[in-house]
Protein backbone atom coordinates (compact mmCIF):
# COMPACT_ATOMS: atom_id res chain seq x y z
CA MET A 1 11.10 7.72 -6.79
CA ASP A 2 8.71 10.21 -5.69
CA TYR A 3 6.04 9.61 -7.73
CA MET A 4 6.22 6.06 -6.38
CA ALA A 5 5.92 7.18 -2.61
CA GLN A 6 2.97 9.29 -4.10
CA LYS A 7 1.54 7.06 -5.84
CA GLY A 8 1.96 4.34 -2.89
CA THR A 9 0.26 6.33 -0.22
CA LYS A 10 -3.04 6.56 -2.50
CA ARG A 11 -3.01 2.91 -2.82
CA GLN A 12 -2.25 2.62 -6.61
CA PHE A 13 0.52 0.68 -7.07
CA ASP A 14 0.86 -0.05 -10.85
CA ILE A 15 2.98 -3.10 -12.12
CA VAL A 16 4.43 -1.92 -15.55
CA GLU A 17 6.11 0.99 -13.07
CA LEU A 18 7.52 -1.74 -10.96
CA SER A 19 8.92 -3.26 -13.29
CA ASN A 20 10.55 -0.59 -14.96
CA LEU A 21 12.70 -0.20 -11.49
CA THR A 22 16.40 -1.25 -11.65
CA GLY A 23 17.68 -0.87 -8.19
CA ILE A 24 17.99 -3.40 -5.86
CA ALA A 25 16.95 -0.31 -3.29
CA ASP A 26 14.19 1.00 -5.45
CA MET A 27 12.70 -2.58 -5.12
CA ASP A 28 12.62 -2.40 -1.34
CA ILE A 29 11.29 0.56 -0.78
CA VAL A 30 8.43 -0.23 -3.30
CA ALA A 31 8.13 -3.55 -1.09
CA THR A 32 7.56 -1.15 2.11
CA LEU A 33 5.26 0.51 0.63
CA PHE A 34 3.63 -2.12 -0.49
CA THR A 35 3.59 -3.94 3.25
CA TYR A 36 2.22 -0.74 4.71
CA ASP A 37 -0.70 -0.75 1.89
CA MET A 38 -1.87 -3.64 2.67
CA LEU A 39 -1.40 -3.44 6.48
CA ALA A 40 -3.36 -0.13 6.18
CA LYS A 41 -6.20 -1.89 4.21
CA GLU A 42 -6.45 -4.71 7.06
CA GLY A 43 -7.09 -2.25 9.22
CA GLU A 44 -9.45 -0.72 7.84
CA GLU A 45 -11.03 -3.98 7.01
CA TYR A 46 -11.16 -4.50 10.66
CA TRP A 47 -12.64 -1.18 11.44
CA ILE A 48 -15.60 -1.56 9.34
CA VAL A 49 -16.22 -4.96 11.03
CA MET A 50 -15.85 -3.64 14.64
CA SER A 51 -18.30 -0.14 13.48
CA GLU A 52 -20.64 -2.68 12.16
CA VAL A 53 -20.90 -4.75 15.04
CA CYS A 54 -21.23 -1.58 17.59
CA ASN A 55 -23.69 -0.40 15.73
CA ASP A 56 -25.85 -3.35 15.74
C-alpha cells in the first residue's frame, strides 16, 4: 500500500494495479488518493489560468 501512496502523490495511477487490490479499505484509500489527485490537478489548472490573466 505504501507503493500505491507514493505513486498517488506523483499522480501516476495504474489501472492494472488498482484492479489487483482486494480489500475494501485498500479501495477506499485509493479512491481518496484519486480524489486528492483530481483536486490538485484542478488547482493547478486554475493557477495557470490566473497566472495568464494576471501577466497580461
